[in-house]
All heavy atoms as atom14 arrays in JSON, in Angstrom:
{
  "sequence": "LATIGTGDVLTGMIGALWARGLETEVAARSAAHWHGRAAAART",
  "atom14_mask": [
    [1, 1, 1, 1, 1, 1, 1, 1, 0, 0, 0, 0, 0, 0],
    [1, 1, 1, 1, 1, 0, 0, 0, 0, 0, 0, 0, 0, 0],
    [1, 1, 1, 1, 1, 1, 1, 0, 0, 0, 0, 0, 0, 0],
    [1, 1, 1, 1, 1, 1, 1, 1, 0, 0, 0, 0, 0, 0],
    [1, 1, 1, 1, 0, 0, 0, 0, 0, 0, 0, 0, 0, 0],
    [1, 1, 1, 1, 1, 1, 1, 0, 0, 0, 0, 0, 0, 0],
    [1, 1, 1, 1, 0, 0, 0, 0, 0, 0, 0, 0, 0, 0],
    [1, 1, 1, 1, 1, 1, 1, 1, 0, 0, 0, 0, 0, 0],
    [1, 1, 1, 1, 1, 1, 1, 0, 0, 0, 0, 0, 0, 0],
    [1, 1, 1, 1, 1, 1, 1, 1, 0, 0, 0, 0, 0, 0],
    [1, 1, 1, 1, 1, 1, 1, 0, 0, 0, 0, 0, 0, 0],
    [1, 1, 1, 1, 0, 0, 0, 0, 0, 0, 0, 0, 0, 0],
    [1, 1, 1, 1, 1, 1, 1, 1, 0, 0, 0, 0, 0, 0],
    [1, 1, 1, 1, 1, 1, 1, 1, 0, 0, 0, 0, 0, 0],
    [1, 1, 1, 1, 0, 0, 0, 0, 0, 0, 0, 0, 0, 0],
    [1, 1, 1, 1, 1, 0, 0, 0, 0, 0, 0, 0, 0, 0],
    [1, 1, 1, 1, 1, 1, 1, 1, 0, 0, 0, 0, 0, 0],
    [1, 1, 1, 1, 1, 1, 1, 1, 1, 1, 1, 1, 1, 1],
    [1, 1, 1, 1, 1, 0, 0, 0, 0, 0, 0, 0, 0, 0],
    [1, 1, 1, 1, 1, 1, 1, 1, 1, 1, 1, 0, 0, 0],
    [1, 1, 1, 1, 0, 0, 0, 0, 0, 0, 0, 0, 0, 0],
    [1, 1, 1, 1, 1, 1, 1, 1, 0, 0, 0, 0, 0, 0],
    [1, 1, 1, 1, 1, 1, 1, 1, 1, 0, 0, 0, 0, 0],
    [1, 1, 1, 1, 1, 1, 1, 0, 0, 0, 0, 0, 0, 0],
    [1, 1, 1, 1, 1, 1, 1, 1, 1, 0, 0, 0, 0, 0],
    [1, 1, 1, 1, 1, 1, 1, 0, 0, 0, 0, 0, 0, 0],
    [1, 1, 1, 1, 1, 0, 0, 0, 0, 0, 0, 0, 0, 0],
    [1, 1, 1, 1, 1, 0, 0, 0, 0, 0, 0, 0, 0, 0],
    [1, 1, 1, 1, 1, 1, 1, 1, 1, 1, 1, 0, 0, 0],
    [1, 1, 1, 1, 1, 1, 0, 0, 0, 0, 0, 0, 0, 0],
    [1, 1, 1, 1, 1, 0, 0, 0, 0, 0, 0, 0, 0, 0],
    [1, 1, 1, 1, 1, 0, 0, 0, 0, 0, 0, 0, 0, 0],
    [1, 1, 1, 1, 1, 1, 1, 1, 1, 1, 0, 0, 0, 0],
    [1, 1, 1, 1, 1, 1, 1, 1, 1, 1, 1, 1, 1, 1],
    [1, 1, 1, 1, 1, 1, 1, 1, 1, 1, 0, 0, 0, 0],
    [1, 1, 1, 1, 0, 0, 0, 0, 0, 0, 0, 0, 0, 0],
    [1, 1, 1, 1, 1, 1, 1, 1, 1, 1, 1, 0, 0, 0],
    [1, 1, 1, 1, 1, 0, 0, 0, 0, 0, 0, 0, 0, 0],
    [1, 1, 1, 1, 1, 0, 0, 0, 0, 0, 0, 0, 0, 0],
    [1, 1, 1, 1, 1, 0, 0, 0, 0, 0, 0, 0, 0, 0],
    [1, 1, 1, 1, 1, 0, 0, 0, 0, 0, 0, 0, 0, 0],
    [1, 1, 1, 1, 1, 1, 1, 1, 1, 1, 1, 0, 0, 0],
    [1, 1, 1, 1, 1, 1, 1, 0, 0, 0, 0, 0, 0, 0]
  ],
  "atom14_positions": [
    [[-65.17, -67.75, -212.32], [-65.35, -66.56, -211.49], [-66.25, -66.66, -210.37], [-66.45, -65.75, -209.59], [-65.74, -65.41, -212.39], [-64.55, -64.93, -213.31], [-65.13, -63.87, -214.36], [-63.5, -64.28, -212.55], [0.0, 0.0, 0.0], [0.0, 0.0, 0.0], [0.0, 0.0, 0.0], [0.0, 0.0, 0.0], [0.0, 0.0, 0.0], [0.0, 0.0, 0.0]],
    [[-67.03, -67.87, -210.16], [-67.89, -68.03, -209.21], [-67.19, -68.6, -207.87], [-67.5, -69.66, -207.41], [-69.08, -69.02, -209.56], [0.0, 0.0, 0.0], [0.0, 0.0, 0.0], [0.0, 0.0, 0.0], [0.0, 0.0, 0.0], [0.0, 0.0, 0.0], [0.0, 0.0, 0.0], [0.0, 0.0, 0.0], [0.0, 0.0, 0.0], [0.0, 0.0, 0.0]],
    [[-66.23, -67.82, -207.48], [-65.4, -68.15, -206.28], [-65.33, -66.92, -205.46], [-65.38, -65.78, -205.93], [-64.05, -68.81, -206.7], [-63.55, -69.34, -205.53], [-63.18, -67.77, -207.4], [0.0, 0.0, 0.0], [0.0, 0.0, 0.0], [0.0, 0.0, 0.0], [0.0, 0.0, 0.0], [0.0, 0.0, 0.0], [0.0, 0.0, 0.0], [0.0, 0.0, 0.0]],
    [[-65.12, -67.09, -204.21], [-65.13, -66.07, -203.13], [-63.94, -65.12, -203.55], [-62.86, -65.5, -203.71], [-64.92, -66.64, -201.71], [-66.2, -67.34, -201.38], [-64.65, -65.57, -200.72], [-66.05, -68.24, -200.1], [0.0, 0.0, 0.0], [0.0, 0.0, 0.0], [0.0, 0.0, 0.0], [0.0, 0.0, 0.0], [0.0, 0.0, 0.0], [0.0, 0.0, 0.0]],
    [[-64.3, -63.83, -203.53], [-63.34, -62.8, -203.64], [-63.13, -62.24, -205.06], [-62.64, -61.21, -205.26], [0.0, 0.0, 0.0], [0.0, 0.0, 0.0], [0.0, 0.0, 0.0], [0.0, 0.0, 0.0], [0.0, 0.0, 0.0], [0.0, 0.0, 0.0], [0.0, 0.0, 0.0], [0.0, 0.0, 0.0], [0.0, 0.0, 0.0], [0.0, 0.0, 0.0]],
    [[-63.56, -62.99, -206.04], [-63.41, -62.57, -207.39], [-64.22, -61.38, -207.77], [-63.76, -60.42, -208.57], [-63.59, -63.68, -208.43], [-64.97, -64.15, -208.35], [-62.59, -64.8, -208.35], [0.0, 0.0, 0.0], [0.0, 0.0, 0.0], [0.0, 0.0, 0.0], [0.0, 0.0, 0.0], [0.0, 0.0, 0.0], [0.0, 0.0, 0.0], [0.0, 0.0, 0.0]],
    [[-65.37, -61.2, -207.18], [-66.16, -59.98, -207.35], [-65.49, -58.72, -206.74], [-65.6, -57.66, -207.24], [0.0, 0.0, 0.0], [0.0, 0.0, 0.0], [0.0, 0.0, 0.0], [0.0, 0.0, 0.0], [0.0, 0.0, 0.0], [0.0, 0.0, 0.0], [0.0, 0.0, 0.0], [0.0, 0.0, 0.0], [0.0, 0.0, 0.0], [0.0, 0.0, 0.0]],
    [[-64.76, -58.99, -205.54], [-64.01, -57.9, -205.03], [-62.89, -57.45, -205.89], [-62.59, -56.3, -205.94], [-63.51, -58.34, -203.64], [-64.6, -58.7, -202.61], [-65.62, -57.97, -202.55], [-64.5, -59.72, -201.99], [0.0, 0.0, 0.0], [0.0, 0.0, 0.0], [0.0, 0.0, 0.0], [0.0, 0.0, 0.0], [0.0, 0.0, 0.0], [0.0, 0.0, 0.0]],
    [[-62.29, -58.46, -206.53], [-61.23, -58.06, -207.6], [-61.83, -57.19, -208.59], [-61.24, -56.14, -209.05], [-60.53, -59.32, -208.13], [-59.55, -58.9, -209.32], [-59.81, -60.08, -206.99], [0.0, 0.0, 0.0], [0.0, 0.0, 0.0], [0.0, 0.0, 0.0], [0.0, 0.0, 0.0], [0.0, 0.0, 0.0], [0.0, 0.0, 0.0], [0.0, 0.0, 0.0]],
    [[-62.95, -57.62, -209.14], [-63.68, -56.84, -210.2], [-63.96, -55.43, -209.74], [-63.68, -54.47, -210.44], [-64.98, -57.53, -210.63], [-65.87, -56.7, -211.65], [-65.12, -56.41, -212.86], [-67.12, -57.51, -211.84], [0.0, 0.0, 0.0], [0.0, 0.0, 0.0], [0.0, 0.0, 0.0], [0.0, 0.0, 0.0], [0.0, 0.0, 0.0], [0.0, 0.0, 0.0]],
    [[-64.49, -55.3, -208.56], [-64.73, -53.92, -208.02], [-63.52, -53.07, -207.94], [-63.55, -51.91, -208.21], [-65.53, -54.11, -206.62], [-66.76, -54.79, -206.81], [-65.74, -52.7, -206.05], [0.0, 0.0, 0.0], [0.0, 0.0, 0.0], [0.0, 0.0, 0.0], [0.0, 0.0, 0.0], [0.0, 0.0, 0.0], [0.0, 0.0, 0.0], [0.0, 0.0, 0.0]],
    [[-62.37, -53.72, -207.46], [-61.16, -53.02, -207.42], [-60.7, -52.52, -208.78], [-60.06, -51.41, -208.89], [0.0, 0.0, 0.0], [0.0, 0.0, 0.0], [0.0, 0.0, 0.0], [0.0, 0.0, 0.0], [0.0, 0.0, 0.0], [0.0, 0.0, 0.0], [0.0, 0.0, 0.0], [0.0, 0.0, 0.0], [0.0, 0.0, 0.0], [0.0, 0.0, 0.0]],
    [[-60.87, -53.46, -209.76], [-60.47, -53.04, -211.14], [-61.3, -51.86, -211.62], [-60.72, -50.93, -212.27], [-60.65, -54.25, -212.04], [-59.62, -55.38, -211.83], [-59.95, -56.83, -212.88], [-59.56, -56.12, -214.41], [0.0, 0.0, 0.0], [0.0, 0.0, 0.0], [0.0, 0.0, 0.0], [0.0, 0.0, 0.0], [0.0, 0.0, 0.0], [0.0, 0.0, 0.0]],
    [[-62.62, -51.86, -211.37], [-63.45, -50.79, -211.8], [-62.97, -49.49, -211.12], [-62.86, -48.39, -211.72], [-64.93, -51.02, -211.44], [-65.46, -52.22, -212.24], [-65.82, -49.85, -211.68], [-66.8, -52.75, -211.76], [0.0, 0.0, 0.0], [0.0, 0.0, 0.0], [0.0, 0.0, 0.0], [0.0, 0.0, 0.0], [0.0, 0.0, 0.0], [0.0, 0.0, 0.0]],
    [[-62.73, -49.56, -209.75], [-62.36, -48.4, -209.04], [-60.97, -47.84, -209.62], [-60.84, -46.67, -209.65], [0.0, 0.0, 0.0], [0.0, 0.0, 0.0], [0.0, 0.0, 0.0], [0.0, 0.0, 0.0], [0.0, 0.0, 0.0], [0.0, 0.0, 0.0], [0.0, 0.0, 0.0], [0.0, 0.0, 0.0], [0.0, 0.0, 0.0], [0.0, 0.0, 0.0]],
    [[-60.07, -48.75, -209.89], [-58.78, -48.35, -210.42], [-58.85, -47.65, -211.77], [-58.29, -46.61, -211.96], [-57.81, -49.53, -210.45], [0.0, 0.0, 0.0], [0.0, 0.0, 0.0], [0.0, 0.0, 0.0], [0.0, 0.0, 0.0], [0.0, 0.0, 0.0], [0.0, 0.0, 0.0], [0.0, 0.0, 0.0], [0.0, 0.0, 0.0], [0.0, 0.0, 0.0]],
    [[-59.68, -48.23, -212.65], [-59.84, -47.57, -213.94], [-60.59, -46.2, -213.99], [-60.26, -45.32, -214.61], [-60.57, -48.55, -214.97], [-59.77, -49.77, -215.34], [-60.72, -50.81, -216.08], [-58.55, -49.48, -216.09], [0.0, 0.0, 0.0], [0.0, 0.0, 0.0], [0.0, 0.0, 0.0], [0.0, 0.0, 0.0], [0.0, 0.0, 0.0], [0.0, 0.0, 0.0]],
    [[-61.54, -46.26, -213.05], [-62.33, -45.02, -212.8], [-61.39, -43.86, -212.2], [-61.4, -42.79, -212.68], [-63.38, -45.33, -211.85], [-64.56, -44.4, -211.74], [-64.77, -43.16, -212.37], [-65.62, -44.58, -210.88], [-65.88, -42.66, -211.98], [-66.54, -43.44, -211.05], [-66.04, -45.46, -209.96], [-67.67, -43.27, -210.32], [-67.26, -45.33, -209.15], [-67.98, -44.19, -209.46]],
    [[-60.55, -44.28, -211.33], [-59.56, -43.32, -210.64], [-58.57, -42.82, -211.66], [-58.1, -41.69, -211.54], [-58.95, -44.01, -209.5], [0.0, 0.0, 0.0], [0.0, 0.0, 0.0], [0.0, 0.0, 0.0], [0.0, 0.0, 0.0], [0.0, 0.0, 0.0], [0.0, 0.0, 0.0], [0.0, 0.0, 0.0], [0.0, 0.0, 0.0], [0.0, 0.0, 0.0]],
    [[-58.3, -43.66, -212.62], [-57.34, -43.3, -213.73], [-57.98, -42.34, -214.77], [-57.23, -42.0, -215.66], [-56.75, -44.39, -214.31], [-55.78, -45.15, -213.34], [-54.78, -46.09, -213.94], [-54.1, -45.62, -215.08], [-52.86, -45.12, -215.08], [-52.28, -44.98, -213.91], [-52.21, -44.74, -216.15], [0.0, 0.0, 0.0], [0.0, 0.0, 0.0], [0.0, 0.0, 0.0]],
    [[-59.27, -42.1, -214.68], [-59.88, -41.09, -215.56], [-60.81, -41.6, -216.49], [-61.43, -40.89, -217.26], [0.0, 0.0, 0.0], [0.0, 0.0, 0.0], [0.0, 0.0, 0.0], [0.0, 0.0, 0.0], [0.0, 0.0, 0.0], [0.0, 0.0, 0.0], [0.0, 0.0, 0.0], [0.0, 0.0, 0.0], [0.0, 0.0, 0.0], [0.0, 0.0, 0.0]],
    [[-61.08, -43.0, -216.58], [-62.1, -43.52, -217.48], [-63.48, -43.1, -216.95], [-63.65, -43.02, -215.75], [-62.05, -45.08, -217.56], [-60.81, -45.59, -218.33], [-60.96, -47.12, -218.42], [-60.74, -45.05, -219.79], [0.0, 0.0, 0.0], [0.0, 0.0, 0.0], [0.0, 0.0, 0.0], [0.0, 0.0, 0.0], [0.0, 0.0, 0.0], [0.0, 0.0, 0.0]],
    [[-64.41, -42.82, -217.86], [-65.81, -42.59, -217.49], [-66.31, -43.83, -216.88], [-65.92, -44.93, -217.11], [-66.49, -42.18, -218.84], [-67.89, -41.68, -218.63], [-68.96, -42.8, -218.6], [-68.73, -43.86, -219.17], [-70.0, -42.56, -217.94], [0.0, 0.0, 0.0], [0.0, 0.0, 0.0], [0.0, 0.0, 0.0], [0.0, 0.0, 0.0], [0.0, 0.0, 0.0]],
    [[-67.25, -43.66, -215.97], [-67.78, -44.66, -215.12], [-68.22, -45.93, -215.84], [-67.71, -46.96, -215.59], [-69.0, -44.12, -214.35], [-68.57, -42.91, -213.58], [-69.49, -45.15, -213.28], [0.0, 0.0, 0.0], [0.0, 0.0, 0.0], [0.0, 0.0, 0.0], [0.0, 0.0, 0.0], [0.0, 0.0, 0.0], [0.0, 0.0, 0.0], [0.0, 0.0, 0.0]],
    [[-69.02, -45.8, -216.9], [-69.5, -46.97, -217.72], [-68.3, -47.63, -218.4], [-68.32, -48.77, -218.49], [-70.62, -46.58, -218.62], [-71.88, -46.49, -218.07], [-72.98, -46.2, -219.08], [-73.05, -46.94, -220.16], [-73.76, -45.3, -218.92], [0.0, 0.0, 0.0], [0.0, 0.0, 0.0], [0.0, 0.0, 0.0], [0.0, 0.0, 0.0], [0.0, 0.0, 0.0]],
    [[-67.47, -46.84, -218.94], [-66.29, -47.41, -219.67], [-65.4, -48.13, -218.69], [-64.96, -49.3, -219.04], [-65.56, -46.26, -220.38], [-64.29, -46.8, -221.02], [-66.41, -45.56, -221.33], [0.0, 0.0, 0.0], [0.0, 0.0, 0.0], [0.0, 0.0, 0.0], [0.0, 0.0, 0.0], [0.0, 0.0, 0.0], [0.0, 0.0, 0.0], [0.0, 0.0, 0.0]],
    [[-65.13, -47.6, -217.52], [-64.41, -48.29, -216.5], [-65.04, -49.67, -216.13], [-64.39, -50.69, -216.04], [-64.18, -47.51, -215.28], [0.0, 0.0, 0.0], [0.0, 0.0, 0.0], [0.0, 0.0, 0.0], [0.0, 0.0, 0.0], [0.0, 0.0, 0.0], [0.0, 0.0, 0.0], [0.0, 0.0, 0.0], [0.0, 0.0, 0.0], [0.0, 0.0, 0.0]],
    [[-66.37, -49.68, -215.92], [-67.07, -50.91, -215.58], [-67.01, -51.93, -216.64], [-66.73, -53.05, -216.34], [-68.56, -50.5, -215.24], [0.0, 0.0, 0.0], [0.0, 0.0, 0.0], [0.0, 0.0, 0.0], [0.0, 0.0, 0.0], [0.0, 0.0, 0.0], [0.0, 0.0, 0.0], [0.0, 0.0, 0.0], [0.0, 0.0, 0.0], [0.0, 0.0, 0.0]],
    [[-67.32, -51.51, -217.9], [-67.29, -52.61, -218.93], [-65.93, -53.07, -219.33], [-65.7, -54.18, -219.61], [-68.1, -52.16, -220.16], [-67.57, -51.03, -220.88], [-68.49, -50.69, -222.14], [-67.99, -49.64, -222.96], [-68.57, -48.53, -223.04], [-69.69, -48.19, -222.39], [-68.12, -47.55, -223.82], [0.0, 0.0, 0.0], [0.0, 0.0, 0.0], [0.0, 0.0, 0.0]],
    [[-64.88, -52.11, -219.23], [-63.51, -52.55, -219.42], [-63.07, -53.54, -218.38], [-62.42, -54.56, -218.7], [-62.59, -51.38, -219.49], [-63.0, -50.52, -220.52], [0.0, 0.0, 0.0], [0.0, 0.0, 0.0], [0.0, 0.0, 0.0], [0.0, 0.0, 0.0], [0.0, 0.0, 0.0], [0.0, 0.0, 0.0], [0.0, 0.0, 0.0], [0.0, 0.0, 0.0]],
    [[-63.3, -53.22, -217.12], [-62.92, -54.06, -216.05], [-63.61, -55.43, -216.12], [-62.91, -56.4, -216.0], [-63.25, -53.3, -214.72], [0.0, 0.0, 0.0], [0.0, 0.0, 0.0], [0.0, 0.0, 0.0], [0.0, 0.0, 0.0], [0.0, 0.0, 0.0], [0.0, 0.0, 0.0], [0.0, 0.0, 0.0], [0.0, 0.0, 0.0], [0.0, 0.0, 0.0]],
    [[-64.87, -55.4, -216.54], [-65.56, -56.72, -216.57], [-64.98, -57.57, -217.66], [-64.81, -58.73, -217.51], [-67.08, -56.46, -216.9], [0.0, 0.0, 0.0], [0.0, 0.0, 0.0], [0.0, 0.0, 0.0], [0.0, 0.0, 0.0], [0.0, 0.0, 0.0], [0.0, 0.0, 0.0], [0.0, 0.0, 0.0], [0.0, 0.0, 0.0], [0.0, 0.0, 0.0]],
    [[-64.62, -56.93, -218.79], [-64.0, -57.72, -219.89], [-62.59, -58.23, -219.47], [-62.42, -59.49, -219.7], [-63.87, -56.82, -221.16], [-63.09, -57.41, -222.17], [-63.5, -58.36, -223.0], [-61.79, -57.2, -222.69], [-62.58, -58.85, -223.84], [-61.5, -58.07, -223.53], [0.0, 0.0, 0.0], [0.0, 0.0, 0.0], [0.0, 0.0, 0.0], [0.0, 0.0, 0.0]],
    [[-61.79, -57.45, -218.93], [-60.45, -57.88, -218.65], [-60.46, -58.77, -217.46], [-59.59, -59.71, -217.39], [-59.5, -56.67, -218.47], [-59.23, -56.0, -219.84], [-59.72, -54.91, -220.22], [-58.5, -56.64, -220.86], [-59.32, -54.61, -221.54], [-58.6, -55.76, -221.94], [-57.79, -57.84, -221.03], [-57.95, -55.99, -223.19], [-57.2, -58.06, -222.29], [-57.25, -57.08, -223.36]],
    [[-61.3, -58.67, -216.54], [-61.5, -59.53, -215.42], [-61.86, -60.99, -215.95], [-61.26, -61.98, -215.47], [-62.65, -58.95, -214.55], [-63.03, -59.73, -213.31], [-64.14, -60.48, -213.24], [-62.35, -59.82, -212.12], [-64.2, -61.03, -212.02], [-63.2, -60.6, -211.3], [0.0, 0.0, 0.0], [0.0, 0.0, 0.0], [0.0, 0.0, 0.0], [0.0, 0.0, 0.0]],
    [[-62.81, -61.02, -216.88], [-63.11, -62.32, -217.5], [-61.96, -62.92, -218.33], [-61.7, -64.09, -218.28], [0.0, 0.0, 0.0], [0.0, 0.0, 0.0], [0.0, 0.0, 0.0], [0.0, 0.0, 0.0], [0.0, 0.0, 0.0], [0.0, 0.0, 0.0], [0.0, 0.0, 0.0], [0.0, 0.0, 0.0], [0.0, 0.0, 0.0], [0.0, 0.0, 0.0]],
    [[-61.31, -62.06, -219.1], [-60.15, -62.57, -219.84], [-59.06, -63.11, -218.98], [-58.45, -64.16, -219.23], [-59.58, -61.41, -220.67], [-60.46, -60.94, -221.89], [-60.45, -61.92, -223.05], [-59.02, -62.22, -223.53], [-58.36, -61.45, -224.42], [-58.93, -60.42, -225.03], [-57.15, -61.84, -224.84], [0.0, 0.0, 0.0], [0.0, 0.0, 0.0], [0.0, 0.0, 0.0]],
    [[-58.78, -62.47, -217.87], [-57.72, -62.9, -216.98], [-58.1, -64.17, -216.38], [-57.21, -65.08, -216.15], [-57.42, -61.78, -215.81], [0.0, 0.0, 0.0], [0.0, 0.0, 0.0], [0.0, 0.0, 0.0], [0.0, 0.0, 0.0], [0.0, 0.0, 0.0], [0.0, 0.0, 0.0], [0.0, 0.0, 0.0], [0.0, 0.0, 0.0], [0.0, 0.0, 0.0]],
    [[-59.38, -64.36, -215.89], [-59.89, -65.6, -215.32], [-59.76, -66.76, -216.31], [-59.4, -67.81, -215.95], [-61.29, -65.42, -214.81], [0.0, 0.0, 0.0], [0.0, 0.0, 0.0], [0.0, 0.0, 0.0], [0.0, 0.0, 0.0], [0.0, 0.0, 0.0], [0.0, 0.0, 0.0], [0.0, 0.0, 0.0], [0.0, 0.0, 0.0], [0.0, 0.0, 0.0]],
    [[-60.18, -66.45, -217.52], [-60.07, -67.52, -218.48], [-58.71, -67.99, -218.79], [-58.38, -69.17, -218.95], [-60.81, -67.08, -219.76], [0.0, 0.0, 0.0], [0.0, 0.0, 0.0], [0.0, 0.0, 0.0], [0.0, 0.0, 0.0], [0.0, 0.0, 0.0], [0.0, 0.0, 0.0], [0.0, 0.0, 0.0], [0.0, 0.0, 0.0], [0.0, 0.0, 0.0]],
    [[-57.82, -67.06, -218.86], [-56.39, -67.34, -219.02], [-55.83, -68.16, -217.86], [-55.16, -69.12, -217.93], [-55.57, -66.11, -219.29], [0.0, 0.0, 0.0], [0.0, 0.0, 0.0], [0.0, 0.0, 0.0], [0.0, 0.0, 0.0], [0.0, 0.0, 0.0], [0.0, 0.0, 0.0], [0.0, 0.0, 0.0], [0.0, 0.0, 0.0], [0.0, 0.0, 0.0]],
    [[-56.27, -67.71, -216.66], [-55.76, -68.39, -215.43], [-56.27, -69.81, -215.34], [-55.53, -70.66, -214.89], [-56.2, -67.54, -214.24], [-55.68, -67.92, -212.9], [-54.18, -67.66, -212.89], [-53.58, -68.09, -211.61], [-52.29, -67.8, -211.37], [-51.55, -67.16, -212.24], [-51.81, -68.32, -210.3], [0.0, 0.0, 0.0], [0.0, 0.0, 0.0], [0.0, 0.0, 0.0]],
    [[-57.5, -69.98, -215.59], [-58.1, -71.35, -215.48], [-57.5, -72.39, -216.42], [-57.48, -73.62, -216.11], [-59.6, -71.27, -215.6], [-60.21, -72.47, -215.06], [-60.02, -71.22, -217.16], [0.0, 0.0, 0.0], [0.0, 0.0, 0.0], [0.0, 0.0, 0.0], [0.0, 0.0, 0.0], [0.0, 0.0, 0.0], [0.0, 0.0, 0.0], [0.0, 0.0, 0.0]]
  ]
}
């Protein structure tokens, strides 16, 4: 995940989950978890 743009993907995920109604902290930790899972699977 230490590559250009992946943090922007994380921010977008947080915003998308938040916009869908998740509470702010829940959106942040959910996005962080799935962001990492997706990166690990991709690698």
